[in-house]
Amino acid sequence: MYNPEPVNNNAHSNEEYRRPVYNSELIQLRLDCRELHEEIKNFLRGYEIVPRTVNGDTVNEVIKHSEPLVNPQGVSGIMSYIKCIINPQVVQGNFFADKYGVSDSYNNYISCIEDHIADLIHINAYEWEICDKNLMWIRRVLADMIYAFMTRLINNEERKSYGETLRSIESSSTNSRGNRFSFFKK
């Protein structure tokens, strides 16, 4: 929904223009997995990227926390798998839960992913220069991130939330347009 008209909620304030907001933009934002992908890459590389303001400009500062957990080839290999699991298409899936909120299909799916991550990490540990002490740590962090992300699929919660997002936008847009002229206020 696009509203190019100025919004004046107060007769004494300057007119402000709202940034155009489209329903598809908000849904795309909800489905965007790039930030999570970047967090995983940074974890594997042993650093964090923190935005800082320098002379009025925002720059990204790289903070090194440790030696890389895997070499660049390993980062690429792991990310290839992660992007197959965490992407906009997969997050729109659905795992039904029983009346107690338990989803056997979700639990089986997560168990398979944990097994695949374990295989991927252990089979390539030497080639990707992964220290033995980091094998379980990498597996656990990746599995935990995927586990938390994928809970959105239980009982179709991700799709249900789209409706709430769209209703919120529509309501917000209607309310802001209703107060454009102060002499119509009650």
C-alpha atoms as a PDB file:
ATOM      1  CA  MET A   1       0.000   0.000   0.000  1.00  0.00           C
ATOM      2  CA  TYR A   2       1.527   3.305  -1.091  1.00  0.00           C
ATOM      3  CA  ASN A   3       0.703   6.652   0.491  1.00  0.00           C
ATOM      4  CA  PRO A   4       2.579   9.534  -1.182  1.00  0.00           C
ATOM      5  CA  GLU A   5       0.490  12.223   0.520  1.00  0.00           C
ATOM      6  CA  PRO A   6       1.993  14.323   3.324  1.00  0.00           C
ATOM      7  CA  VAL A   7       1.060  13.290   6.816  1.00  0.00           C
ATOM      8  CA  ASN A   8       0.189  16.112   9.209  1.00  0.00           C
ATOM      9  CA  ASN A   9      -0.891  14.709  12.548  1.00  0.00           C
ATOM     10  CA  ASN A  10      -0.533  18.071  14.249  1.00  0.00           C
ATOM     11  CA  ALA A  11      -1.686  21.389  12.758  1.00  0.00           C
ATOM     12  CA  HIS A  12       1.446  23.099  14.127  1.00  0.00           C
ATOM     13  CA  SER A  13       4.024  20.605  12.839  1.00  0.00           C
ATOM     14  CA  ASN A  14       5.806  20.700   9.500  1.00  0.00           C
ATOM     15  CA  GLU A  15       4.464  18.372   6.848  1.00  0.00           C
ATOM     16  CA  GLU A  16       6.390  15.148   6.694  1.00  0.00           C
ATOM     17  CA  TYR A  17       6.423  12.628   3.905  1.00  0.00           C
ATOM     18  CA  ARG A  18       6.321   8.990   4.795  1.00  0.00           C
ATOM     19  CA  ARG A  19       8.526   6.607   2.943  1.00  0.00           C
ATOM     20  CA  PRO A  20       6.403   4.574   0.519  1.00  0.00           C
ATOM     21  CA  VAL A  21       5.624   1.210   2.064  1.00  0.00           C
ATOM     22  CA  TYR A  22       4.443  -1.646  -0.072  1.00  0.00           C
ATOM     23  CA  ASN A  23       2.974  -4.819   1.381  1.00  0.00           C
ATOM     24  CA  SER A  24       5.376  -6.845  -0.739  1.00  0.00           C
ATOM     25  CA  GLU A  25       8.347  -4.948   0.762  1.00  0.00           C
ATOM     26  CA  LEU A  26       7.391  -5.921   4.293  1.00  0.00           C
ATOM     27  CA  ILE A  27       6.858  -9.537   3.409  1.00  0.00           C
ATOM     28  CA  GLN A  28      10.197  -9.554   1.585  1.00  0.00           C
ATOM     29  CA  LEU A  29      11.846  -8.065   4.671  1.00  0.00           C
ATOM     30  CA  ARG A  30      10.378 -10.848   6.815  1.00  0.00           C
ATOM     31  CA  LEU A  31      11.644 -13.480   4.380  1.00  0.00           C
ATOM     32  CA  ASP A  32      15.129 -12.007   3.916  1.00  0.00           C
ATOM     33  CA  CYS A  33      17.713 -14.426   5.308  1.00  0.00           C
ATOM     34  CA  ARG A  34      20.870 -12.515   4.371  1.00  0.00           C
ATOM     35  CA  GLU A  35      21.473 -11.114   7.842  1.00  0.00           C
ATOM     36  CA  LEU A  36      21.374 -14.583   9.387  1.00  0.00           C
ATOM     37  CA  HIS A  37      23.668 -15.860   6.628  1.00  0.00           C
ATOM     38  CA  GLU A  38      26.137 -13.063   7.429  1.00  0.00           C
ATOM     39  CA  GLU A  39      26.029 -13.890  11.148  1.00  0.00           C
ATOM     40  CA  ILE A  40      26.876 -17.507  10.387  1.00  0.00           C
ATOM     41  CA  LYS A  41      29.736 -16.510   8.059  1.00  0.00           C
ATOM     42  CA  ASN A  42      31.148 -14.152  10.670  1.00  0.00           C
ATOM     43  CA  PHE A  43      30.921 -16.848  13.338  1.00  0.00           C
ATOM     44  CA  LEU A  44      32.874 -19.236  11.107  1.00  0.00           C
ATOM     45  CA  ARG A  45      35.438 -16.537  10.304  1.00  0.00           C
ATOM     46  CA  GLY A  46      35.888 -15.645  13.976  1.00  0.00           C
ATOM     47  CA  TYR A  47      34.740 -12.053  13.829  1.00  0.00           C
ATOM     48  CA  GLU A  48      31.845  -9.685  14.221  1.00  0.00           C
ATOM     49  CA  ILE A  49      30.913  -6.652  12.160  1.00  0.00           C
ATOM     50  CA  VAL A  50      29.752  -3.679  14.240  1.00  0.00           C
ATOM     51  CA  PRO A  51      28.443  -0.449  12.698  1.00  0.00           C
ATOM     52  CA  ARG A  52      30.172   2.680  14.057  1.00  0.00           C
ATOM     53  CA  THR A  53      29.705   6.375  13.353  1.00  0.00           C
ATOM     54  CA  VAL A  54      32.904   8.110  12.275  1.00  0.00           C
ATOM     55  CA  ASN A  55      32.724  11.800  11.324  1.00  0.00           C
ATOM     56  CA  GLY A  56      28.993  11.474  10.728  1.00  0.00           C
ATOM     57  CA  ASP A  57      29.356   8.463   8.436  1.00  0.00           C
ATOM     58  CA  THR A  58      28.433   4.919   9.361  1.00  0.00           C
ATOM     59  CA  VAL A  59      31.244   2.466   8.792  1.00  0.00           C
ATOM     60  CA  ASN A  60      31.431  -1.228   9.568  1.00  0.00           C
ATOM     61  CA  GLU A  61      34.162  -2.157  12.012  1.00  0.00           C
ATOM     62  CA  VAL A  62      35.451  -5.721  11.998  1.00  0.00           C
ATOM     63  CA  ILE A  63      36.123  -7.034  15.492  1.00  0.00           C
ATOM     64  CA  LYS A  64      38.162 -10.216  15.555  1.00  0.00           C
ATOM     65  CA  HIS A  65      37.108 -12.545  18.368  1.00  0.00           C
ATOM     66  CA  SER A  66      39.156 -15.602  17.505  1.00  0.00           C
ATOM     67  CA  GLU A  67      41.053 -17.383  14.802  1.00  0.00           C
ATOM     68  CA  PRO A  68      38.775 -18.548  11.981  1.00  0.00           C
ATOM     69  CA  LEU A  69      36.988 -21.784  12.853  1.00  0.00           C
ATOM     70  CA  VAL A  70      37.253 -22.950   9.224  1.00  0.00           C
ATOM     71  CA  ASN A  71      39.219 -21.859   6.187  1.00  0.00           C
ATOM     72  CA  PRO A  72      37.577 -19.873   3.315  1.00  0.00           C
ATOM     73  CA  GLN A  73      36.779 -23.077   1.438  1.00  0.00           C
ATOM     74  CA  GLY A  74      35.003 -24.347   4.560  1.00  0.00           C
ATOM     75  CA  VAL A  75      33.017 -21.136   4.943  1.00  0.00           C
ATOM     76  CA  SER A  76      31.891 -21.502   1.330  1.00  0.00           C
ATOM     77  CA  GLY A  77      30.992 -25.181   1.717  1.00  0.00           C
ATOM     78  CA  ILE A  78      29.055 -24.680   4.941  1.00  0.00           C
ATOM     79  CA  MET A  79      27.249 -21.632   3.590  1.00  0.00           C
ATOM     80  CA  SER A  80      26.186 -23.536   0.479  1.00  0.00           C
ATOM     81  CA  TYR A  81      24.427 -26.037   2.721  1.00  0.00           C
ATOM     82  CA  ILE A  82      23.010 -23.368   5.064  1.00  0.00           C
ATOM     83  CA  LYS A  83      21.530 -21.434   2.124  1.00  0.00           C
ATOM     84  CA  CYS A  84      19.711 -24.591   1.028  1.00  0.00           C
ATOM     85  CA  ILE A  85      18.143 -24.837   4.490  1.00  0.00           C
ATOM     86  CA  ILE A  86      17.592 -21.177   5.398  1.00  0.00           C
ATOM     87  CA  ASN A  87      16.005 -19.360   2.479  1.00  0.00           C
ATOM     88  CA  PRO A  88      12.735 -17.549   1.649  1.00  0.00           C
ATOM     89  CA  GLN A  89      11.204 -20.590  -0.019  1.00  0.00           C
ATOM     90  CA  VAL A  90      11.830 -22.992   2.860  1.00  0.00           C
ATOM     91  CA  VAL A  91      10.586 -20.568   5.526  1.00  0.00           C
ATOM     92  CA  GLN A  92       7.173 -20.577   3.873  1.00  0.00           C
ATOM     93  CA  GLY A  93       6.789 -24.300   4.532  1.00  0.00           C
ATOM     94  CA  ASN A  94       4.649 -25.835   7.236  1.00  0.00           C
ATOM     95  CA  PHE A  95       5.016 -28.479   9.940  1.00  0.00           C
ATOM     96  CA  PHE A  96       1.764 -29.397  11.649  1.00  0.00           C
ATOM     97  CA  ALA A  97       1.776 -29.813  15.421  1.00  0.00           C
ATOM     98  CA  ASP A  98      -0.525 -31.926  17.532  1.00  0.00           C
ATOM     99  CA  LYS A  99      -2.835 -30.516  20.194  1.00  0.00           C
ATOM    100  CA  TYR A 100       0.107 -30.311  22.611  1.00  0.00           C
ATOM    101  CA  GLY A 101       2.171 -28.198  20.214  1.00  0.00           C
ATOM    102  CA  VAL A 102       4.526 -31.055  19.303  1.00  0.00           C
ATOM    103  CA  SER A 103       5.460 -31.527  15.672  1.00  0.00           C
ATOM    104  CA  ASP A 104       6.995 -34.907  14.980  1.00  0.00           C
ATOM    105  CA  SER A 105       7.706 -33.932  11.371  1.00  0.00           C
ATOM    106  CA  TYR A 106       9.568 -30.803  12.564  1.00  0.00           C
ATOM    107  CA  ASN A 107      11.563 -32.793  15.124  1.00  0.00           C
ATOM    108  CA  ASN A 108      12.486 -35.393  12.482  1.00  0.00           C
ATOM    109  CA  TYR A 109      13.481 -32.638  10.049  1.00  0.00           C
ATOM    110  CA  ILE A 110      15.730 -30.957  12.616  1.00  0.00           C
ATOM    111  CA  SER A 111      17.276 -34.312  13.539  1.00  0.00           C
ATOM    112  CA  CYS A 112      18.125 -34.942   9.870  1.00  0.00           C
ATOM    113  CA  ILE A 113      19.637 -31.467   9.537  1.00  0.00           C
ATOM    114  CA  GLU A 114      21.790 -32.041  12.636  1.00  0.00           C
ATOM    115  CA  ASP A 115      22.996 -35.331  11.125  1.00  0.00           C
ATOM    116  CA  HIS A 116      23.767 -33.646   7.799  1.00  0.00           C
ATOM    117  CA  ILE A 117      25.688 -30.851   9.509  1.00  0.00           C
ATOM    118  CA  ALA A 118      27.662 -33.421  11.508  1.00  0.00           C
ATOM    119  CA  ASP A 119      28.504 -35.341   8.331  1.00  0.00           C
ATOM    120  CA  LEU A 120      29.450 -32.173   6.466  1.00  0.00           C
ATOM    121  CA  ILE A 121      31.712 -30.924   9.262  1.00  0.00           C
ATOM    122  CA  HIS A 122      33.385 -34.251  10.079  1.00  0.00           C
ATOM    123  CA  ILE A 123      33.931 -35.439   6.503  1.00  0.00           C
ATOM    124  CA  ASN A 124      35.559 -32.106   5.543  1.00  0.00           C
ATOM    125  CA  ALA A 125      37.281 -31.267   8.847  1.00  0.00           C
ATOM    126  CA  TYR A 126      40.801 -31.905   7.570  1.00  0.00           C
ATOM    127  CA  GLU A 127      40.328 -30.159   4.213  1.00  0.00           C
ATOM    128  CA  TRP A 128      38.597 -27.177   5.864  1.00  0.00           C
ATOM    129  CA  GLU A 129      41.255 -26.984   8.627  1.00  0.00           C
ATOM    130  CA  ILE A 130      38.804 -27.424  11.500  1.00  0.00           C
ATOM    131  CA  CYS A 131      40.433 -28.109  14.866  1.00  0.00           C
ATOM    132  CA  ASP A 132      39.068 -31.155  16.669  1.00  0.00           C
ATOM    133  CA  LYS A 133      38.090 -29.017  19.659  1.00  0.00           C
ATOM    134  CA  ASN A 134      35.845 -26.883  17.393  1.00  0.00           C
ATOM    135  CA  LEU A 135      33.959 -29.720  15.672  1.00  0.00           C
ATOM    136  CA  MET A 136      31.148 -29.993  18.218  1.00  0.00           C
ATOM    137  CA  TRP A 137      31.051 -26.229  18.809  1.00  0.00           C
ATOM    138  CA  ILE A 138      30.455 -25.482  15.109  1.00  0.00           C
ATOM    139  CA  ARG A 139      27.865 -28.254  14.806  1.00  0.00           C
ATOM    140  CA  ARG A 140      25.972 -27.075  17.883  1.00  0.00           C
ATOM    141  CA  VAL A 141      25.908 -23.376  16.949  1.00  0.00           C
ATOM    142  CA  LEU A 142      24.727 -24.094  13.398  1.00  0.00           C
ATOM    143  CA  ALA A 143      22.085 -26.553  14.593  1.00  0.00           C
ATOM    144  CA  ASP A 144      20.832 -24.119  17.252  1.00  0.00           C
ATOM    145  CA  MET A 145      20.521 -21.274  14.743  1.00  0.00           C
ATOM    146  CA  ILE A 146      18.652 -23.467  12.282  1.00  0.00           C
ATOM    147  CA  TYR A 147      16.440 -24.886  15.033  1.00  0.00           C
ATOM    148  CA  ALA A 148      15.380 -21.409  16.195  1.00  0.00           C
ATOM    149  CA  PHE A 149      14.854 -20.097  12.663  1.00  0.00           C
ATOM    150  CA  MET A 150      12.779 -23.067  11.544  1.00  0.00           C
ATOM    151  CA  THR A 151      10.312 -22.875  14.442  1.00  0.00           C
ATOM    152  CA  ARG A 152       8.529 -20.307  12.272  1.00  0.00           C
ATOM    153  CA  LEU A 153       7.264 -23.240  10.205  1.00  0.00           C
ATOM    154  CA  ILE A 154       5.402 -25.001  13.019  1.00  0.00           C
ATOM    155  CA  ASN A 155       1.612 -24.735  12.580  1.00  0.00           C
ATOM    156  CA  ASN A 156       2.056 -22.377   9.643  1.00  0.00           C
ATOM    157  CA  GLU A 157       2.972 -19.493  11.992  1.00  0.00           C
ATOM    158  CA  GLU A 158       5.049 -17.667   9.386  1.00  0.00           C
ATOM    159  CA  ARG A 159       2.182 -17.414   6.915  1.00  0.00           C
ATOM    160  CA  LYS A 160      -0.320 -16.566   9.641  1.00  0.00           C
ATOM    161  CA  SER A 161       1.885 -13.652  10.661  1.00  0.00           C
ATOM    162  CA  TYR A 162       1.749 -12.225   7.111  1.00  0.00           C
ATOM    163  CA  GLY A 163      -1.925 -11.504   7.610  1.00  0.00           C
ATOM    164  CA  GLU A 164      -1.195  -9.658  10.851  1.00  0.00           C
ATOM    165  CA  THR A 165       1.523  -7.634   9.131  1.00  0.00           C
ATOM    166  CA  LEU A 166      -0.783  -6.682   6.270  1.00  0.00           C
ATOM    167  CA  ARG A 167      -3.673  -5.786   8.617  1.00  0.00           C
ATOM    168  CA  SER A 168      -1.315  -3.656  10.692  1.00  0.00           C
ATOM    169  CA  ILE A 169      -0.096  -1.754   7.622  1.00  0.00           C
ATOM    170  CA  GLU A 170      -3.618  -1.240   6.329  1.00  0.00           C
ATOM    171  CA  SER A 171      -4.869  -0.028   9.718  1.00  0.00           C
ATOM    172  CA  SER A 172      -1.877   2.247  10.203  1.00  0.00           C
ATOM    173  CA  SER A 173      -2.290   3.755   6.754  1.00  0.00           C
ATOM    174  CA  THR A 174      -6.028   4.327   7.239  1.00  0.00           C
ATOM    175  CA  ASN A 175      -5.503   5.989  10.622  1.00  0.00           C
ATOM    176  CA  SER A 176      -2.819   8.367   9.374  1.00  0.00           C
ATOM    177  CA  ARG A 177      -4.897   9.451   6.368  1.00  0.00           C
ATOM    178  CA  GLY A 178      -7.946  10.037   8.544  1.00  0.00           C
ATOM    179  CA  ASN A 179      -6.236  12.943  10.362  1.00  0.00           C
ATOM    180  CA  ARG A 180      -4.968  14.923   7.368  1.00  0.00           C
ATOM    181  CA  PHE A 181      -7.218  17.934   7.906  1.00  0.00           C
ATOM    182  CA  SER A 182      -7.428  19.280  11.427  1.00  0.00           C
ATOM    183  CA  PHE A 183     -10.896  20.778  10.967  1.00  0.00           C
ATOM    184  CA  PHE A 184     -12.331  17.256  10.497  1.00  0.00           C
ATOM    185  CA  LYS A 185     -11.068  16.093  13.896  1.00  0.00           C
ATOM    186  CA  LYS A 186     -13.652  15.274  16.504  1.00  0.00           C
END
